[in-house]
């Protein structure tokens, strides 16, 4: 597993996310969002050292239940999960270091 460049074609159910095994990152955003696009190089840099962490990109928007269940307000919002439980959250991260630090909290193999 490595950084995912493509938003999921269908939004996963919250129960699927809650039952994930191991470390994962949910990235909420949209392909046209300037903040989301600006964060992609930062994510690529941070994920390079954490290839075993699952990265799930979810296109968010009005009426999308998964984003609402996590109370997402701004994009991108990154939710760092360990076995389906939220461990950390970053909203509009401005540097790769913050992302790396959050990844280190969930990645036992690093």
N, C-alpha and C. Protein backbone atom coordinates (compact mmCIF):
# COMPACT_ATOMS: atom_id res chain seq x y z
N UNK A 1 0.85 -1.18 0.00
CA UNK A 1 0.00 0.00 0.00
C UNK A 1 0.89 1.24 0.00
N UNK A 2 0.45 2.22 -0.69
CA UNK A 2 1.17 3.48 -0.74
C UNK A 2 0.15 4.59 -0.84
N UNK A 3 0.65 5.81 -0.97
CA UNK A 3 -0.25 6.94 -1.11
C UNK A 3 -1.16 6.71 -2.31
N UNK A 4 -2.42 7.01 -2.13
CA UNK A 4 -3.42 6.86 -3.17
C UNK A 4 -3.59 8.22 -3.85
N UNK A 5 -3.52 8.24 -5.18
CA UNK A 5 -3.66 9.49 -5.93
C UNK A 5 -5.09 9.75 -6.40
N UNK A 6 -5.96 8.77 -6.25
CA UNK A 6 -7.29 8.86 -6.82
C UNK A 6 -8.35 8.79 -5.72
N UNK A 7 -9.34 9.66 -5.84
CA UNK A 7 -10.46 9.61 -4.91
C UNK A 7 -11.28 8.37 -5.19
N UNK A 8 -11.78 7.73 -4.13
CA UNK A 8 -12.58 6.52 -4.26
C UNK A 8 -13.81 6.77 -5.13
N UNK A 9 -14.10 5.82 -6.02
CA UNK A 9 -15.26 5.95 -6.90
C UNK A 9 -16.56 5.92 -6.09
N UNK A 10 -16.57 5.12 -5.03
CA UNK A 10 -17.72 5.08 -4.13
C UNK A 10 -17.23 5.28 -2.70
N UNK A 11 -18.02 6.00 -1.96
CA UNK A 11 -17.67 6.30 -0.58
C UNK A 11 -17.87 5.05 0.29
N UNK A 12 -16.86 4.68 1.08
CA UNK A 12 -17.05 3.53 1.96
C UNK A 12 -18.07 3.84 3.06
N UNK A 13 -18.66 2.81 3.58
CA UNK A 13 -19.59 2.96 4.71
C UNK A 13 -18.79 3.19 5.99
N UNK A 14 -19.35 3.91 6.92
CA UNK A 14 -18.67 4.16 8.19
C UNK A 14 -18.33 2.85 8.90
N UNK A 15 -19.20 1.86 8.83
CA UNK A 15 -18.94 0.57 9.47
C UNK A 15 -17.70 -0.09 8.88
N UNK A 16 -17.47 0.08 7.57
CA UNK A 16 -16.27 -0.47 6.94
C UNK A 16 -15.01 0.19 7.52
N UNK A 17 -15.06 1.49 7.68
CA UNK A 17 -13.92 2.23 8.21
C UNK A 17 -13.68 1.85 9.67
N UNK A 18 -14.75 1.77 10.45
CA UNK A 18 -14.63 1.42 11.87
C UNK A 18 -14.04 0.03 12.08
N UNK A 19 -14.20 -0.85 11.09
CA UNK A 19 -13.71 -2.22 11.25
C UNK A 19 -12.36 -2.47 10.56
N UNK A 20 -11.69 -1.42 10.11
CA UNK A 20 -10.38 -1.58 9.47
C UNK A 20 -9.36 -2.15 10.46
N UNK A 21 -8.49 -3.00 9.95
CA UNK A 21 -7.37 -3.51 10.74
C UNK A 21 -6.12 -2.73 10.39
N UNK A 22 -5.36 -2.37 11.40
CA UNK A 22 -4.09 -1.71 11.18
C UNK A 22 -4.22 -0.21 10.95
N UNK A 23 -3.10 0.41 10.53
CA UNK A 23 -3.09 1.85 10.35
C UNK A 23 -3.69 2.28 9.01
N UNK A 24 -4.41 3.38 9.04
CA UNK A 24 -5.02 3.92 7.81
C UNK A 24 -5.19 5.42 7.96
N UNK A 25 -5.23 6.09 6.83
CA UNK A 25 -5.49 7.53 6.80
C UNK A 25 -6.66 7.77 5.86
N UNK A 26 -7.67 8.45 6.37
CA UNK A 26 -8.79 8.91 5.55
C UNK A 26 -8.48 10.35 5.15
N UNK A 27 -8.50 10.62 3.85
CA UNK A 27 -8.29 11.98 3.37
C UNK A 27 -9.59 12.45 2.74
N UNK A 28 -10.20 13.46 3.33
CA UNK A 28 -11.42 14.04 2.79
C UNK A 28 -11.07 15.29 1.99
N UNK A 29 -11.62 15.40 0.80
CA UNK A 29 -11.36 16.56 -0.04
C UNK A 29 -12.12 16.45 -1.34
N UNK A 30 -11.63 17.16 -2.34
CA UNK A 30 -12.23 17.13 -3.68
C UNK A 30 -11.13 17.38 -4.70
N UNK A 31 -11.24 16.78 -5.89
CA UNK A 31 -10.18 16.92 -6.87
C UNK A 31 -10.00 18.35 -7.39
N UNK A 32 -11.02 19.18 -7.28
CA UNK A 32 -10.94 20.57 -7.76
C UNK A 32 -10.50 21.54 -6.66
N UNK A 33 -10.35 21.07 -5.43
CA UNK A 33 -10.02 21.93 -4.29
C UNK A 33 -8.55 22.34 -4.33
N UNK A 34 -8.29 23.63 -4.35
CA UNK A 34 -6.92 24.13 -4.38
C UNK A 34 -6.11 23.74 -3.16
N UNK A 35 -6.71 23.77 -1.98
CA UNK A 35 -6.01 23.36 -0.76
C UNK A 35 -5.64 21.88 -0.83
N UNK A 36 -6.55 21.08 -1.38
CA UNK A 36 -6.30 19.63 -1.50
C UNK A 36 -5.15 19.37 -2.47
N UNK A 37 -5.16 20.06 -3.58
CA UNK A 37 -4.08 19.89 -4.56
C UNK A 37 -2.74 20.33 -3.99
N UNK A 38 -2.74 21.43 -3.24
CA UNK A 38 -1.49 21.93 -2.65
C UNK A 38 -0.93 20.95 -1.62
N UNK A 39 -1.80 20.18 -0.99
CA UNK A 39 -1.35 19.23 0.04
C UNK A 39 -0.77 17.95 -0.55
N UNK A 40 -1.01 17.66 -1.82
CA UNK A 40 -0.58 16.38 -2.38
C UNK A 40 0.94 16.15 -2.32
N UNK A 41 1.79 17.14 -2.65
CA UNK A 41 3.23 16.89 -2.50
C UNK A 41 3.65 16.65 -1.05
N UNK A 42 2.98 17.31 -0.11
CA UNK A 42 3.27 17.09 1.31
C UNK A 42 2.91 15.66 1.71
N UNK A 43 1.76 15.22 1.24
CA UNK A 43 1.32 13.85 1.53
C UNK A 43 2.28 12.83 0.92
N UNK A 44 2.69 13.06 -0.32
CA UNK A 44 3.61 12.14 -0.98
C UNK A 44 4.92 12.05 -0.21
N UNK A 45 5.42 13.18 0.24
CA UNK A 45 6.66 13.20 1.02
C UNK A 45 6.49 12.40 2.31
N UNK A 46 5.41 12.65 3.03
CA UNK A 46 5.19 11.98 4.31
C UNK A 46 4.92 10.49 4.15
N UNK A 47 4.12 10.12 3.15
CA UNK A 47 3.78 8.71 2.96
C UNK A 47 4.95 7.89 2.45
N UNK A 48 5.98 8.52 1.89
CA UNK A 48 7.13 7.78 1.36
C UNK A 48 7.77 6.90 2.42
N UNK A 49 7.76 7.34 3.65
CA UNK A 49 8.37 6.57 4.74
C UNK A 49 7.37 5.64 5.43
N UNK A 50 6.14 5.62 4.95
CA UNK A 50 5.09 4.80 5.58
C UNK A 50 4.28 4.06 4.52
N UNK A 51 4.94 3.24 3.69
CA UNK A 51 4.23 2.59 2.58
C UNK A 51 3.19 1.56 3.02
N UNK A 52 3.27 1.08 4.25
CA UNK A 52 2.32 0.07 4.72
C UNK A 52 1.03 0.67 5.27
N UNK A 53 0.95 1.99 5.37
CA UNK A 53 -0.26 2.63 5.87
C UNK A 53 -1.27 2.77 4.73
N UNK A 54 -2.45 2.28 4.96
CA UNK A 54 -3.53 2.38 3.97
C UNK A 54 -3.98 3.84 3.86
N UNK A 55 -4.13 4.32 2.63
CA UNK A 55 -4.55 5.70 2.36
C UNK A 55 -5.84 5.65 1.56
N UNK A 56 -6.89 6.18 2.15
CA UNK A 56 -8.21 6.18 1.52
C UNK A 56 -8.62 7.62 1.24
N UNK A 57 -8.69 7.97 -0.04
CA UNK A 57 -9.11 9.33 -0.43
C UNK A 57 -10.60 9.30 -0.68
N UNK A 58 -11.32 10.18 0.01
CA UNK A 58 -12.77 10.23 -0.11
C UNK A 58 -13.18 11.61 -0.61
N UNK A 59 -13.85 11.63 -1.75
CA UNK A 59 -14.37 12.90 -2.25
C UNK A 59 -15.55 13.29 -1.37
N UNK A 60 -15.41 14.45 -0.75
CA UNK A 60 -16.41 14.90 0.22
C UNK A 60 -17.28 15.96 -0.43
N UNK A 61 -18.39 16.24 0.19
CA UNK A 61 -19.28 17.28 -0.29
C UNK A 61 -20.58 17.25 0.49
N UNK A 62 -21.42 18.18 0.14
CA UNK A 62 -22.72 18.29 0.80
C UNK A 62 -23.50 16.98 0.71
N UNK A 63 -24.00 16.55 1.84
CA UNK A 63 -24.82 15.35 1.88
C UNK A 63 -24.05 14.04 1.84
N UNK A 64 -22.73 14.10 1.91
CA UNK A 64 -21.94 12.87 1.92
C UNK A 64 -21.85 12.37 3.36
N UNK A 65 -22.41 11.19 3.64
CA UNK A 65 -22.53 10.75 5.03
C UNK A 65 -21.21 10.48 5.75
N UNK A 66 -20.19 9.97 5.06
CA UNK A 66 -18.96 9.63 5.77
C UNK A 66 -18.29 10.88 6.32
N UNK A 67 -18.17 11.90 5.50
CA UNK A 67 -17.58 13.16 5.97
C UNK A 67 -18.38 13.78 7.10
N UNK A 68 -19.69 13.70 7.01
CA UNK A 68 -20.53 14.26 8.08
C UNK A 68 -20.34 13.47 9.37
N UNK A 69 -20.16 12.15 9.26
CA UNK A 69 -20.00 11.34 10.47
C UNK A 69 -18.70 11.68 11.20
N UNK A 70 -17.71 12.22 10.47
CA UNK A 70 -16.45 12.66 11.08
C UNK A 70 -16.42 14.17 11.32
N UNK A 71 -17.53 14.83 11.05
CA UNK A 71 -17.67 16.28 11.26
C UNK A 71 -16.61 17.08 10.47
N UNK A 72 -16.38 16.67 9.23
CA UNK A 72 -15.44 17.36 8.35
C UNK A 72 -16.05 18.69 7.93
N UNK A 73 -15.27 19.75 8.10
CA UNK A 73 -15.73 21.10 7.74
C UNK A 73 -14.86 21.73 6.65
N UNK A 74 -13.56 21.45 6.69
CA UNK A 74 -12.62 22.03 5.73
C UNK A 74 -11.85 20.93 5.03
N UNK A 75 -11.37 21.23 3.84
CA UNK A 75 -10.58 20.27 3.07
C UNK A 75 -9.17 20.78 2.89
N UNK A 76 -8.21 19.91 2.78
CA UNK A 76 -8.33 18.51 3.11
C UNK A 76 -8.34 18.30 4.62
N UNK A 77 -9.06 17.31 5.04
CA UNK A 77 -9.01 16.84 6.41
C UNK A 77 -8.46 15.42 6.38
N UNK A 78 -7.42 15.20 7.16
CA UNK A 78 -6.78 13.89 7.26
C UNK A 78 -7.10 13.29 8.62
N UNK A 79 -7.65 12.09 8.61
CA UNK A 79 -7.97 11.40 9.85
C UNK A 79 -7.11 10.15 9.93
N UNK A 80 -6.29 10.07 10.96
CA UNK A 80 -5.34 8.99 11.15
C UNK A 80 -5.97 7.95 12.07
N UNK A 81 -6.09 6.73 11.57
CA UNK A 81 -6.80 5.68 12.27
C UNK A 81 -5.89 4.52 12.62
N UNK A 82 -6.12 3.96 13.77
CA UNK A 82 -5.46 2.71 14.18
C UNK A 82 -6.57 1.73 14.51
N UNK A 83 -6.67 0.68 13.71
CA UNK A 83 -7.75 -0.30 13.87
C UNK A 83 -9.12 0.36 13.90
N UNK A 84 -9.33 1.31 13.01
CA UNK A 84 -10.63 1.96 12.86
C UNK A 84 -10.92 3.07 13.85
N UNK A 85 -10.02 3.32 14.78
CA UNK A 85 -10.22 4.36 15.80
C UNK A 85 -9.38 5.58 15.48
N UNK A 86 -9.97 6.76 15.58
CA UNK A 86 -9.25 8.00 15.30
C UNK A 86 -8.18 8.24 16.36
N UNK A 87 -6.95 8.48 15.88
CA UNK A 87 -5.82 8.75 16.76
C UNK A 87 -5.38 10.21 16.62
N UNK A 88 -5.46 10.73 15.41
CA UNK A 88 -5.03 12.11 15.15
C UNK A 88 -5.83 12.64 13.97
N UNK A 89 -5.81 13.98 13.85
CA UNK A 89 -6.52 14.66 12.76
C UNK A 89 -5.73 15.89 12.38
N UNK A 90 -5.61 16.11 11.08
CA UNK A 90 -5.00 17.34 10.57
C UNK A 90 -5.95 17.97 9.57
N UNK A 91 -6.13 19.27 9.70
CA UNK A 91 -6.97 20.01 8.77
C UNK A 91 -6.08 21.01 8.04
N UNK A 92 -6.11 20.92 6.71
CA UNK A 92 -5.28 21.78 5.86
C UNK A 92 -3.83 21.82 6.32
N UNK A 93 -3.17 20.67 6.33
CA UNK A 93 -1.78 20.63 6.79
C UNK A 93 -0.89 21.50 5.92
N UNK A 94 0.04 22.20 6.58
CA UNK A 94 0.90 23.13 5.87
C UNK A 94 2.32 22.63 5.65
N UNK A 95 2.64 21.48 6.26
CA UNK A 95 3.98 20.93 6.03
C UNK A 95 3.96 19.42 6.20
N UNK A 96 4.93 18.78 5.56
CA UNK A 96 5.00 17.32 5.59
C UNK A 96 5.34 16.79 6.97
N UNK A 97 6.04 17.59 7.76
CA UNK A 97 6.44 17.12 9.09
C UNK A 97 5.22 16.80 9.98
N UNK A 98 4.21 17.65 9.95
CA UNK A 98 3.00 17.39 10.73
C UNK A 98 2.35 16.09 10.30
N UNK A 99 2.35 15.83 9.00
CA UNK A 99 1.77 14.59 8.48
C UNK A 99 2.62 13.40 8.91
N UNK A 100 3.95 13.53 8.81
CA UNK A 100 4.84 12.45 9.24
C UNK A 100 4.66 12.14 10.73
N UNK A 101 4.54 13.19 11.54
CA UNK A 101 4.36 13.00 12.98
C UNK A 101 3.07 12.24 13.27
N UNK A 102 2.00 12.59 12.57
CA UNK A 102 0.73 11.90 12.78
C UNK A 102 0.80 10.46 12.27
N UNK A 103 1.48 10.25 11.14
CA UNK A 103 1.66 8.89 10.63
C UNK A 103 2.44 8.03 11.62
N UNK A 104 3.44 8.62 12.26
CA UNK A 104 4.25 7.88 13.23
C UNK A 104 3.40 7.39 14.42
N UNK A 105 2.31 8.11 14.72
CA UNK A 105 1.44 7.70 15.84
C UNK A 105 0.68 6.43 15.53
N UNK A 106 0.45 6.15 14.24
CA UNK A 106 -0.36 4.98 13.89
C UNK A 106 0.45 3.85 13.25
N UNK A 107 1.64 4.15 12.79
CA UNK A 107 2.44 3.17 12.05
C UNK A 107 3.41 2.46 12.98
N UNK A 108 3.04 1.29 13.42
CA UNK A 108 3.87 0.51 14.34
C UNK A 108 5.13 -0.02 13.68
N UNK A 109 5.14 -0.10 12.35
CA UNK A 109 6.30 -0.67 11.64
C UNK A 109 7.39 0.36 11.40
N UNK A 110 7.13 1.63 11.70
CA UNK A 110 8.14 2.66 11.39
C UNK A 110 9.20 2.76 12.46
